[in-house]
Amino acid sequence: MNQYAEQIAKELSLDAKNVQGAIDLIDAGNTIPFIARYRKEATGSMDDQALRTLGDRLEYLRGLDKRKGEVEASISEQGALTPELSQALAAAKTLAEVEDIYRPYKPKRKTRASVARARGLQPLADAIFAQKADFDPEAAAAAYCNAEVPDAAAALAGAQDIMAETISDDARCRAELRRYYRAFGQIRSTAAKKEDSVYAPYYDYSEPLAKLPGHRVLALDRGEREGFLKVGIAVDAERAAAITVWMFARKKTGGASALLVEQAAKDAYARLIHPSLENELRRADRRGRRRRHRRLCRQPPPAAAPAADPRQGRHGA
């Protein structure tokens, strides 16, 4: 039996044989309304809604496995694939988890961290990040001065750029903050121009991200696209930064390095993690809206109500 059939059957509390029958029919090119109406014997009489949910989940799982293969191949080509990474990819249950695993290995454009690495500051960053109580970062930084790194302060700044990118790429940290954003994030919109428009109700607007309805996503996206709105996701930035610091800075035992790691963690959150999560979650909202729209478009039109017999009721009948 297909691996997807067993997983979907378990997730949706359906019979695995019926799920396999539905998958076979979908793969053969049959439409959902056709399967629901004429192939009840193969699916255990699943209705349209159950079949659409099954089809959406099947599409997602296949896309997830395809992406896992692409990521594994890319990391392998870099010579960085380890058994631990392979296991983590195999265990990933969502595309977000896969992208978090891939993030440190994804080819990057030129960044502040890549510039610092090119200047030979990775060992300094590693030593600071280890946060040994007896390590003196400023004394160590003096050894990294050269034509491109004029003084110890510049060396420490470069090391912090490297640490900030490392923190931003950490899968555990991103997962924790993603949960925080989903639970407490607010979608917020303001006016992009001083001009009256149909989007005026959204010129100073906010709503919990978890409760945002699809039609509101449409309106905000359209207003932003047409240049009337600035839209973003807002959270308690101090709380989110504190979560990031808590995950990396060893304030009690890390000595002088802990303060530098704390500063790098705050920079990582504000400069790298927040913009990335904001874009990711808004894309996810758009994808959800598109899936709901496709589902509605695939629904058969409602059956017309039977016409009333004009003679009924005549002569007291």
C-alpha atoms as a PDB file:
ATOM      1  CA  MET A   1       0.000   0.000   0.000  1.00  0.00           C
ATOM      2  CA  ASN A   2       1.131   3.540  -0.834  1.00  0.00           C
ATOM      3  CA  GLN A   3       2.931   5.251   2.070  1.00  0.00           C
ATOM      4  CA  TYR A   4       0.791   8.335   1.595  1.00  0.00           C
ATOM      5  CA  ALA A   5      -2.395   6.290   1.908  1.00  0.00           C
ATOM      6  CA  GLU A   6      -1.419   4.974   5.327  1.00  0.00           C
ATOM      7  CA  GLN A   7      -0.373   8.403   6.610  1.00  0.00           C
ATOM      8  CA  ILE A   8      -3.456  10.216   5.300  1.00  0.00           C
ATOM      9  CA  ALA A   9      -5.746   7.472   6.601  1.00  0.00           C
ATOM     10  CA  LYS A  10      -4.242   7.868  10.059  1.00  0.00           C
ATOM     11  CA  GLU A  11      -4.382  11.678  10.013  1.00  0.00           C
ATOM     12  CA  LEU A  12      -7.972  11.878   8.731  1.00  0.00           C
ATOM     13  CA  SER A  13      -9.287   8.772  10.546  1.00  0.00           C
ATOM     14  CA  LEU A  14     -10.213   7.026   7.307  1.00  0.00           C
ATOM     15  CA  ASP A  15      -9.879   3.455   6.085  1.00  0.00           C
ATOM     16  CA  ALA A  16      -6.476   3.007   4.399  1.00  0.00           C
ATOM     17  CA  LYS A  17      -7.942   0.856   1.596  1.00  0.00           C
ATOM     18  CA  ASN A  18     -10.488   3.549   0.760  1.00  0.00           C
ATOM     19  CA  VAL A  19      -7.806   6.241   0.848  1.00  0.00           C
ATOM     20  CA  GLN A  20      -5.670   4.193  -1.543  1.00  0.00           C
ATOM     21  CA  GLY A  21      -8.662   3.814  -3.840  1.00  0.00           C
ATOM     22  CA  ALA A  22      -9.206   7.574  -3.836  1.00  0.00           C
ATOM     23  CA  ILE A  23      -5.500   8.231  -4.548  1.00  0.00           C
ATOM     24  CA  ASP A  24      -5.548   5.806  -7.491  1.00  0.00           C
ATOM     25  CA  LEU A  25      -8.594   7.539  -8.946  1.00  0.00           C
ATOM     26  CA  ILE A  26      -7.109  11.036  -8.464  1.00  0.00           C
ATOM     27  CA  ASP A  27      -3.832   9.918 -10.066  1.00  0.00           C
ATOM     28  CA  ALA A  28      -5.799   8.527 -13.006  1.00  0.00           C
ATOM     29  CA  GLY A  29      -7.099  12.029 -13.705  1.00  0.00           C
ATOM     30  CA  ASN A  30     -10.617  11.713 -12.332  1.00  0.00           C
ATOM     31  CA  THR A  31     -12.227  14.827 -10.858  1.00  0.00           C
ATOM     32  CA  ILE A  32     -13.376  15.024  -7.253  1.00  0.00           C
ATOM     33  CA  PRO A  33     -17.091  15.414  -8.143  1.00  0.00           C
ATOM     34  CA  PHE A  34     -16.877  12.372 -10.448  1.00  0.00           C
ATOM     35  CA  ILE A  35     -15.182  10.231  -7.782  1.00  0.00           C
ATOM     36  CA  ALA A  36     -17.655  11.329  -5.093  1.00  0.00           C
ATOM     37  CA  ARG A  37     -20.675  10.582  -7.267  1.00  0.00           C
ATOM     38  CA  TYR A  38     -19.722   7.529  -9.331  1.00  0.00           C
ATOM     39  CA  ARG A  39     -16.903   5.696  -7.537  1.00  0.00           C
ATOM     40  CA  LYS A  40     -18.308   5.300  -4.042  1.00  0.00           C
ATOM     41  CA  GLU A  41     -17.360   1.612  -3.993  1.00  0.00           C
ATOM     42  CA  ALA A  42     -13.641   2.497  -4.264  1.00  0.00           C
ATOM     43  CA  THR A  43     -13.637   5.249  -1.628  1.00  0.00           C
ATOM     44  CA  GLY A  44     -16.078   3.996   0.969  1.00  0.00           C
ATOM     45  CA  SER A  45     -18.590   6.675  -0.097  1.00  0.00           C
ATOM     46  CA  MET A  46     -16.374   9.656   0.765  1.00  0.00           C
ATOM     47  CA  ASP A  47     -18.119  12.952   0.044  1.00  0.00           C
ATOM     48  CA  ASP A  48     -16.702  15.893  -1.900  1.00  0.00           C
ATOM     49  CA  GLN A  49     -15.296  17.627   1.162  1.00  0.00           C
ATOM     50  CA  ALA A  50     -13.472  14.554   2.443  1.00  0.00           C
ATOM     51  CA  LEU A  51     -12.004  13.899  -1.010  1.00  0.00           C
ATOM     52  CA  ARG A  52     -10.828  17.496  -1.401  1.00  0.00           C
ATOM     53  CA  THR A  53      -9.173  17.408   2.023  1.00  0.00           C
ATOM     54  CA  LEU A  54      -7.525  14.117   1.062  1.00  0.00           C
ATOM     55  CA  GLY A  55      -6.397  15.522  -2.302  1.00  0.00           C
ATOM     56  CA  ASP A  56      -4.926  18.668  -0.739  1.00  0.00           C
ATOM     57  CA  ARG A  57      -3.045  16.611   1.845  1.00  0.00           C
ATOM     58  CA  LEU A  58      -1.737  14.245  -0.838  1.00  0.00           C
ATOM     59  CA  GLU A  59      -0.473  17.204  -2.882  1.00  0.00           C
ATOM     60  CA  TYR A  60       1.253  18.665   0.188  1.00  0.00           C
ATOM     61  CA  LEU A  61       2.952  15.394   1.194  1.00  0.00           C
ATOM     62  CA  ARG A  62       4.242  14.792  -2.327  1.00  0.00           C
ATOM     63  CA  GLY A  63       5.553  18.362  -2.496  1.00  0.00           C
ATOM     64  CA  LEU A  64       7.178  17.868   0.903  1.00  0.00           C
ATOM     65  CA  ASP A  65       9.003  14.725  -0.224  1.00  0.00           C
ATOM     66  CA  LYS A  66      10.072  16.383  -3.464  1.00  0.00           C
ATOM     67  CA  ARG A  67      11.512  19.318  -1.532  1.00  0.00           C
ATOM     68  CA  LYS A  68      13.286  16.983   0.903  1.00  0.00           C
ATOM     69  CA  GLY A  69      14.980  15.304  -2.067  1.00  0.00           C
ATOM     70  CA  GLU A  70      16.041  18.646  -3.546  1.00  0.00           C
ATOM     71  CA  VAL A  71      17.450  19.866  -0.237  1.00  0.00           C
ATOM     72  CA  GLU A  72      19.289  16.611   0.452  1.00  0.00           C
ATOM     73  CA  ALA A  73      20.835  16.676  -3.025  1.00  0.00           C
ATOM     74  CA  SER A  74      21.934  20.311  -2.623  1.00  0.00           C
ATOM     75  CA  ILE A  75      23.550  19.693   0.775  1.00  0.00           C
ATOM     76  CA  SER A  76      25.194  16.529  -0.559  1.00  0.00           C
ATOM     77  CA  GLU A  77      26.676  18.444  -3.510  1.00  0.00           C
ATOM     78  CA  GLN A  78      28.270  20.806  -0.987  1.00  0.00           C
ATOM     79  CA  GLY A  79      29.870  17.823   0.779  1.00  0.00           C
ATOM     80  CA  ALA A  80      28.045  18.767   3.988  1.00  0.00           C
ATOM     81  CA  LEU A  81      25.488  15.956   4.247  1.00  0.00           C
ATOM     82  CA  THR A  82      25.742  13.953   7.465  1.00  0.00           C
ATOM     83  CA  PRO A  83      23.668  11.037   8.809  1.00  0.00           C
ATOM     84  CA  GLU A  84      22.175  13.443  11.359  1.00  0.00           C
ATOM     85  CA  LEU A  85      21.033  15.845   8.628  1.00  0.00           C
ATOM     86  CA  SER A  86      19.556  12.984   6.593  1.00  0.00           C
ATOM     87  CA  GLN A  87      17.638  11.796   9.662  1.00  0.00           C
ATOM     88  CA  ALA A  88      16.401  15.318  10.418  1.00  0.00           C
ATOM     89  CA  LEU A  89      15.158  15.742   6.845  1.00  0.00           C
ATOM     90  CA  ALA A  90      13.445  12.358   6.906  1.00  0.00           C
ATOM     91  CA  ALA A  91      11.706  13.252  10.177  1.00  0.00           C
ATOM     92  CA  ALA A  92      10.582  16.743   9.043  1.00  0.00           C
ATOM     93  CA  LYS A  93       6.793  16.964   8.924  1.00  0.00           C
ATOM     94  CA  THR A  94       6.381  20.382   7.289  1.00  0.00           C
ATOM     95  CA  LEU A  95       7.960  22.428   4.521  1.00  0.00           C
ATOM     96  CA  ALA A  96       8.913  25.045   7.119  1.00  0.00           C
ATOM     97  CA  GLU A  97      10.969  22.435   9.014  1.00  0.00           C
ATOM     98  CA  VAL A  98      12.717  21.392   5.792  1.00  0.00           C
ATOM     99  CA  GLU A  99      13.563  25.007   4.939  1.00  0.00           C
ATOM    100  CA  ASP A 100      14.866  25.593   8.465  1.00  0.00           C
ATOM    101  CA  ILE A 101      17.221  22.598   8.111  1.00  0.00           C
ATOM    102  CA  TYR A 102      18.357  23.813   4.688  1.00  0.00           C
ATOM    103  CA  ARG A 103      18.811  27.446   5.687  1.00  0.00           C
ATOM    104  CA  PRO A 104      22.475  27.220   6.838  1.00  0.00           C
ATOM    105  CA  TYR A 105      23.383  25.451   3.560  1.00  0.00           C
ATOM    106  CA  LYS A 106      21.315  27.506   1.159  1.00  0.00           C
ATOM    107  CA  PRO A 107      23.495  29.508  -1.259  1.00  0.00           C
ATOM    108  CA  LYS A 108      23.433  33.088   0.023  1.00  0.00           C
ATOM    109  CA  ARG A 109      24.004  36.425  -1.561  1.00  0.00           C
ATOM    110  CA  LYS A 110      26.770  38.568  -0.121  1.00  0.00           C
ATOM    111  CA  THR A 111      25.971  39.315   3.531  1.00  0.00           C
ATOM    112  CA  ARG A 112      27.688  41.024   6.428  1.00  0.00           C
ATOM    113  CA  ALA A 113      28.494  37.583   7.809  1.00  0.00           C
ATOM    114  CA  SER A 114      29.975  36.336   4.516  1.00  0.00           C
ATOM    115  CA  VAL A 115      32.185  39.443   4.361  1.00  0.00           C
ATOM    116  CA  ALA A 116      33.341  38.796   7.937  1.00  0.00           C
ATOM    117  CA  ARG A 117      34.109  35.170   7.121  1.00  0.00           C
ATOM    118  CA  ALA A 118      36.125  36.244   4.080  1.00  0.00           C
ATOM    119  CA  ARG A 119      38.157  38.428   6.439  1.00  0.00           C
ATOM    120  CA  GLY A 120      39.048  35.379   8.528  1.00  0.00           C
ATOM    121  CA  LEU A 121      36.827  36.116  11.537  1.00  0.00           C
ATOM    122  CA  GLN A 122      35.002  32.757  11.758  1.00  0.00           C
ATOM    123  CA  PRO A 123      37.413  31.330  14.406  1.00  0.00           C
ATOM    124  CA  LEU A 124      36.896  34.404  16.575  1.00  0.00           C
ATOM    125  CA  ALA A 125      33.123  34.092  16.252  1.00  0.00           C
ATOM    126  CA  ASP A 126      33.304  30.405  17.207  1.00  0.00           C
ATOM    127  CA  ALA A 127      35.436  31.159  20.258  1.00  0.00           C
ATOM    128  CA  ILE A 128      33.060  33.877  21.464  1.00  0.00           C
ATOM    129  CA  PHE A 129      29.976  31.731  20.761  1.00  0.00           C
ATOM    130  CA  ALA A 130      31.437  28.958  22.957  1.00  0.00           C
ATOM    131  CA  GLN A 131      31.126  31.449  25.893  1.00  0.00           C
ATOM    132  CA  LYS A 132      33.911  30.069  28.080  1.00  0.00           C
ATOM    133  CA  ALA A 133      34.095  31.948  31.350  1.00  0.00           C
ATOM    134  CA  ASP A 134      37.855  32.608  31.134  1.00  0.00           C
ATOM    135  CA  PHE A 135      37.885  33.741  27.490  1.00  0.00           C
ATOM    136  CA  ASP A 136      38.728  37.418  26.856  1.00  0.00           C
ATOM    137  CA  PRO A 137      37.100  38.449  23.541  1.00  0.00           C
ATOM    138  CA  GLU A 138      38.838  41.832  23.256  1.00  0.00           C
ATOM    139  CA  ALA A 139      42.284  40.382  23.791  1.00  0.00           C
ATOM    140  CA  ALA A 140      41.578  37.611  21.294  1.00  0.00           C
ATOM    141  CA  ALA A 141      40.182  40.077  18.732  1.00  0.00           C
ATOM    142  CA  ALA A 142      43.472  41.982  18.606  1.00  0.00           C
ATOM    143  CA  ALA A 143      45.084  38.999  16.870  1.00  0.00           C
ATOM    144  CA  TYR A 144      42.659  39.337  13.922  1.00  0.00           C
ATOM    145  CA  CYS A 145      43.565  42.900  12.936  1.00  0.00           C
ATOM    146  CA  ASN A 146      44.774  43.368   9.356  1.00  0.00           C
ATOM    147  CA  ALA A 147      44.323  45.703   6.404  1.00  0.00           C
ATOM    148  CA  GLU A 148      40.571  44.898   6.228  1.00  0.00           C
ATOM    149  CA  VAL A 149      40.038  44.711  10.003  1.00  0.00           C
ATOM    150  CA  PRO A 150      41.593  47.906  11.400  1.00  0.00           C
ATOM    151  CA  ASP A 151      41.120  47.257  15.113  1.00  0.00           C
ATOM    152  CA  ALA A 152      39.718  44.903  17.751  1.00  0.00           C
ATOM    153  CA  ALA A 153      36.327  46.646  17.671  1.00  0.00           C
ATOM    154  CA  ALA A 154      35.993  45.905  13.958  1.00  0.00           C
ATOM    155  CA  ALA A 155      36.982  42.277  14.560  1.00  0.00           C
ATOM    156  CA  LEU A 156      34.360  41.907  17.294  1.00  0.00           C
ATOM    157  CA  ALA A 157      31.701  43.547  15.094  1.00  0.00           C
ATOM    158  CA  GLY A 158      32.475  41.094  12.286  1.00  0.00           C
ATOM    159  CA  ALA A 159      32.358  38.153  14.695  1.00  0.00           C
ATOM    160  CA  GLN A 160      28.951  39.345  15.904  1.00  0.00           C
ATOM    161  CA  ASP A 161      27.701  39.498  12.315  1.00  0.00           C
ATOM    162  CA  ILE A 162      28.723  35.854  11.890  1.00  0.00           C
ATOM    163  CA  MET A 163      27.032  34.869  15.167  1.00  0.00           C
ATOM    164  CA  ALA A 164      23.855  36.758  14.206  1.00  0.00           C
ATOM    165  CA  GLU A 165      23.582  34.816  10.940  1.00  0.00           C
ATOM    166  CA  THR A 166      24.274  31.527  12.759  1.00  0.00           C
ATOM    167  CA  ILE A 167      21.480  32.301  15.240  1.00  0.00           C
ATOM    168  CA  SER A 168      19.117  33.306  12.441  1.00  0.00           C
ATOM    169  CA  ASP A 169      19.790  30.016  10.641  1.00  0.00           C
ATOM    170  CA  ASP A 170      19.146  27.891  13.752  1.00  0.00           C
ATOM    171  CA  ALA A 171      16.154  25.613  13.096  1.00  0.00           C
ATOM    172  CA  ARG A 172      15.212  25.318  16.779  1.00  0.00           C
ATOM    173  CA  CYS A 173      15.158  29.070  17.253  1.00  0.00           C
ATOM    174  CA  ARG A 174      13.066  29.690  14.144  1.00  0.00           C
ATOM    175  CA  ALA A 175      10.562  26.989  15.133  1.00  0.00           C
ATOM    176  CA  GLU A 176      10.161  28.512  18.603  1.00  0.00           C
ATOM    177  CA  LEU A 177       9.644  32.013  17.240  1.00  0.00           C
ATOM    178  CA  ARG A 178       7.316  30.750  14.519  1.00  0.00           C
ATOM    179  CA  ARG A 179       5.067  29.274  17.228  1.00  0.00           C
ATOM    180  CA  TYR A 180       5.208  32.577  19.110  1.00  0.00           C
ATOM    181  CA  TYR A 181       4.254  34.573  15.996  1.00  0.00           C
ATOM    182  CA  ARG A 182       1.349  32.262  15.165  1.00  0.00           C
ATOM    183  CA  ALA A 183       0.019  32.482  18.708  1.00  0.00           C
ATOM    184  CA  PHE A 184       0.525  36.204  19.406  1.00  0.00           C
ATOM    185  CA  GLY A 185       1.235  37.936  16.079  1.00  0.00           C
ATOM    186  CA  GLN A 186      -0.991  40.709  14.772  1.00  0.00           C
ATOM    187  CA  ILE A 187      -1.442  41.665  11.142  1.00  0.00           C
ATOM    188  CA  ARG A 188      -1.110  45.447  11.031  1.00  0.00           C
ATOM    189  CA  SER A 189      -1.763  47.909   8.206  1.00  0.00           C
ATOM    190  CA  THR A 190      -1.246  51.664   7.863  1.00  0.00           C
ATOM    191  CA  ALA A 191      -1.776  54.183   5.085  1.00  0.00           C
ATOM    192  CA  ALA A 192       1.005  54.296   2.502  1.00  0.00           C
ATOM    193  CA  LYS A 193      -0.226  57.598   1.074  1.00  0.00           C
ATOM    194  CA  LYS A 194      -2.437  60.467   2.258  1.00  0.00           C
ATOM    195  CA  GLU A 195      -5.250  59.781  -0.136  1.00  0.00           C
ATOM    196  CA  ASP A 196      -8.823  58.638   0.391  1.00  0.00           C
ATOM    197  CA  SER A 197      -9.651  55.217  -1.049  1.00  0.00           C
ATOM    198  CA  VAL A 198     -11.749  52.109  -0.546  1.00  0.00           C
ATOM    199  CA  TYR A 199      -8.935  50.911   1.743  1.00  0.00           C
ATOM    200  CA  ALA A 200      -9.491  53.749   4.264  1.00  0.00           C
ATOM    201  CA  PRO A 201     -10.837  51.297   6.913  1.00  0.00           C
ATOM    202  CA  TYR A 202      -7.379  49.647   6.855  1.00  0.00           C
ATOM    203  CA  TYR A 203      -5.324  52.856   7.249  1.00  0.00           C
ATOM    204  CA  ASP A 204      -4.873  52.086  10.956  1.00  0.00           C
ATOM    205  CA  TYR A 205      -5.894  48.475  11.400  1.00  0.00           C
ATOM    206  CA  SER A 206      -4.758  45.388  13.303  1.00  0.00           C
ATOM    207  CA  GLU A 207      -6.136  41.901  13.899  1.00  0.00           C
ATOM    208  CA  PRO A 208      -4.750  38.711  15.472  1.00  0.00           C
ATOM    209  CA  LEU A 209      -2.957  36.662  12.836  1.00  0.00           C
ATOM    210  CA  ALA A 210      -4.581  33.456  14.103  1.00  0.00           C
ATOM    211  CA  LYS A 211      -8.078  34.863  13.461  1.00  0.00           C
ATOM    212  CA  LEU A 212      -7.479  36.588  10.122  1.00  0.00           C
ATOM    213  CA  PRO A 213     -10.207  35.555   7.630  1.00  0.00           C
ATOM    214  CA  GLY A 214      -9.426  34.897   3.988  1.00  0.00           C
ATOM    215  CA  HIS A 215     -11.339  37.898   2.627  1.00  0.00           C
ATOM    216  CA  ARG A 216      -9.279  40.195   4.861  1.00  0.00           C
ATOM    217  CA  VAL A 217      -6.048  38.707   3.507  1.00  0.00           C
ATOM    218  CA  LEU A 218      -7.337  39.485   0.005  1.00  0.00           C
ATOM    219  CA  ALA A 219      -8.213  43.078   0.855  1.00  0.00           C
ATOM    220  CA  LEU A 220      -4.911  43.816   2.604  1.00  0.00           C
ATOM    221  CA  ASP A 221      -2.863  42.217  -0.188  1.00  0.00           C
ATOM    222  CA  ARG A 222      -4.731  44.163  -2.831  1.00  0.00           C
ATOM    223  CA  GLY A 223      -4.368  47.448  -0.937  1.00  0.00           C
ATOM    224  CA  GLU A 224      -0.645  46.840  -0.532  1.00  0.00           C
ATOM    225  CA  ARG A 225      -0.226  45.861  -4.174  1.00  0.00           C
ATOM    226  CA  GLU A 226      -2.025  49.025  -5.327  1.00  0.00           C
ATOM    227  CA  GLY A 227       0.184  51.191  -3.127  1.00  0.00           C
ATOM    228  CA  PHE A 228      -2.420  52.342  -0.600  1.00  0.00           C
ATOM    229  CA  LEU A 229      -1.346  50.207   2.375  1.00  0.00           C
ATOM    230  CA  LYS A 230       1.763  49.178   4.255  1.00  0.00           C
ATOM    231  CA  VAL A 231       1.143  45.743   5.749  1.00  0.00           C
ATOM    232  CA  GLY A 232       3.233  43.784   8.233  1.00  0.00           C
ATOM    233  CA  ILE A 233       3.131  41.409  11.166  1.00  0.00           C
ATOM    234  CA  ALA A 234       3.677  42.873  14.620  1.00  0.00           C
ATOM    235  CA  VAL A 235       4.570  41.100  17.849  1.00  0.00           C
ATOM    236  CA  ASP A 236       6.012  42.152  21.180  1.00  0.00           C
ATOM    237  CA  ALA A 237       9.522  42.683  19.804  1.00  0.00           C
ATOM    238  CA  GLU A 238      11.143  42.793  23.243  1.00  0.00           C
ATOM    239  CA  ARG A 239       9.580  39.462  24.173  1.00  0.00           C
ATOM    240  CA  ALA A 240      10.569  37.852  20.858  1.00  0.00           C
ATOM    241  CA  ALA A 241      14.147  39.154  21.187  1.00  0.00           C
ATOM    242  CA  ALA A 242      14.250  37.864  24.760  1.00  0.00           C
ATOM    243  CA  ILE A 243      13.296  34.382  23.544  1.00  0.00           C
ATOM    244  CA  THR A 244      16.198  34.532  21.070  1.00  0.00           C
ATOM    245  CA  VAL A 245      18.637  35.705  23.753  1.00  0.00           C
ATOM    246  CA  TRP A 246      17.418  33.032  26.191  1.00  0.00           C
ATOM    247  CA  MET A 247      18.174  30.315  23.638  1.00  0.00           C
ATOM    248  CA  PHE A 248      21.801  31.340  23.064  1.00  0.00           C
ATOM    249  CA  ALA A 249      23.326  33.659  25.681  1.00  0.00           C
ATOM    250  CA  ARG A 250      24.692  32.044  28.846  1.00  0.00           C
ATOM    251  CA  LYS A 251      24.533  35.145  31.016  1.00  0.00           C
ATOM    252  CA  LYS A 252      25.462  33.399  34.267  1.00  0.00           C
ATOM    253  CA  THR A 253      28.368  31.291  33.037  1.00  0.00           C
ATOM    254  CA  GLY A 254      29.470  32.800  29.712  1.00  0.00           C
ATOM    255  CA  GLY A 255      31.808  35.464  31.022  1.00  0.00           C
ATOM    256  CA  ALA A 256      32.521  38.490  28.825  1.00  0.00           C
ATOM    257  CA  SER A 257      31.460  36.559  25.703  1.00  0.00           C
ATOM    258  CA  ALA A 258      27.858  36.255  26.903  1.00  0.00           C
ATOM    259  CA  LEU A 259      27.201  39.995  26.431  1.00  0.00           C
ATOM    260  CA  LEU A 260      28.482  39.840  22.837  1.00  0.00           C
ATOM    261  CA  VAL A 261      26.294  36.795  22.137  1.00  0.00           C
ATOM    262  CA  GLU A 262      23.301  38.606  23.663  1.00  0.00           C
ATOM    263  CA  GLN A 263      23.895  41.590  21.383  1.00  0.00           C
ATOM    264  CA  ALA A 264      24.271  39.282  18.368  1.00  0.00           C
ATOM    265  CA  ALA A 265      21.022  37.485  19.264  1.00  0.00           C
ATOM    266  CA  LYS A 266      19.096  40.769  19.461  1.00  0.00           C
ATOM    267  CA  ASP A 267      20.572  41.851  16.125  1.00  0.00           C
ATOM    268  CA  ALA A 268      19.715  38.467  14.594  1.00  0.00           C
ATOM    269  CA  TYR A 269      16.093  38.812  15.671  1.00  0.00           C
ATOM    270  CA  ALA A 270      15.562  42.415  14.549  1.00  0.00           C
ATOM    271  CA  ARG A 271      17.576  42.370  11.325  1.00  0.00           C
ATOM    272  CA  LEU A 272      17.204  38.800  10.064  1.00  0.00           C
ATOM    273  CA  ILE A 273      14.597  36.645  11.809  1.00  0.00           C
ATOM    274  CA  HIS A 274      11.654  39.053  12.061  1.00  0.00           C
ATOM    275  CA  PRO A 275      11.648  40.102   8.365  1.00  0.00           C
ATOM    276  CA  SER A 276      12.073  36.467   7.311  1.00  0.00           C
ATOM    277  CA  LEU A 277       9.251  35.126   9.498  1.00  0.00           C
ATOM    278  CA  GLU A 278       7.006  38.007   8.505  1.00  0.00           C
ATOM    279  CA  ASN A 279       7.427  37.161   4.807  1.00  0.00           C
ATOM    280  CA  GLU A 280       7.084  33.428   5.458  1.00  0.00           C
ATOM    281  CA  LEU A 281       3.834  33.716   7.431  1.00  0.00           C
ATOM    282  CA  ARG A 282       2.262  36.116   4.959  1.00  0.00           C
ATOM    283  CA  ARG A 283       3.136  33.749   2.104  1.00  0.00           C
ATOM    284  CA  ALA A 284       1.564  30.902   4.070  1.00  0.00           C
ATOM    285  CA  ASP A 285      -1.636  32.950   4.466  1.00  0.00           C
ATOM    286  CA  ARG A 286      -1.725  33.584   0.725  1.00  0.00           C
ATOM    287  CA  ARG A 287      -1.189  29.891  -0.057  1.00  0.00           C
ATOM    288  CA  GLY A 288      -3.999  28.975   2.328  1.00  0.00           C
ATOM    289  CA  ARG A 289      -6.278  31.451   0.606  1.00  0.00           C
ATOM    290  CA  ARG A 290      -5.404  30.034  -2.823  1.00  0.00           C
ATOM    291  CA  ARG A 291      -6.136  26.487  -1.609  1.00  0.00           C
ATOM    292  CA  ARG A 292      -9.521  27.552  -0.246  1.00  0.00           C
ATOM    293  CA  HIS A 293     -10.272  29.380  -3.497  1.00  0.00           C
ATOM    294  CA  ARG A 294      -9.393  26.280  -5.572  1.00  0.00           C
ATOM    295  CA  ARG A 295     -11.560  24.154  -3.302  1.00  0.00           C
ATOM    296  CA  LEU A 296     -14.524  26.492  -3.786  1.00  0.00           C
ATOM    297  CA  CYS A 297     -13.994  26.585  -7.553  1.00  0.00           C
ATOM    298  CA  ARG A 298     -14.042  22.784  -7.713  1.00  0.00           C
ATOM    299  CA  GLN A 299     -17.358  22.528  -5.895  1.00  0.00           C
ATOM    300  CA  PRO A 300     -20.276  21.583  -8.146  1.00  0.00           C
ATOM    301  CA  PRO A 301     -22.978  24.248  -8.495  1.00  0.00           C
ATOM    302  CA  PRO A 302     -25.908  23.824  -6.113  1.00  0.00           C
ATOM    303  CA  ALA A 303     -28.786  21.843  -7.501  1.00  0.00           C
ATOM    304  CA  ALA A 304     -31.652  23.986  -8.682  1.00  0.00           C
ATOM    305  CA  ALA A 305     -34.756  23.855  -6.526  1.00  0.00           C
ATOM    306  CA  PRO A 306     -37.612  21.959  -8.194  1.00  0.00           C
ATOM    307  CA  ALA A 307     -40.122  24.263  -9.809  1.00  0.00           C
ATOM    308  CA  ALA A 308     -43.460  24.476  -8.065  1.00  0.00           C
ATOM    309  CA  ASP A 309     -46.437  23.036  -9.887  1.00  0.00           C
ATOM    310  CA  PRO A 310     -48.542  26.087 -10.795  1.00  0.00           C
ATOM    311  CA  ARG A 311     -51.677  23.948 -10.521  1.00  0.00           C
ATOM    312  CA  GLN A 312     -50.908  22.866  -6.952  1.00  0.00           C
ATOM    313  CA  GLY A 313     -53.255  24.440  -4.469  1.00  0.00           C
ATOM    314  CA  ARG A 314     -55.766  25.396  -7.177  1.00  0.00           C
ATOM    315  CA  HIS A 315     -59.405  24.533  -6.398  1.00  0.00           C
ATOM    316  CA  GLY A 316     -58.450  23.834  -2.753  1.00  0.00           C
ATOM    317  CA  ALA A 317     -56.380  20.776  -3.726  1.00  0.00           C
END
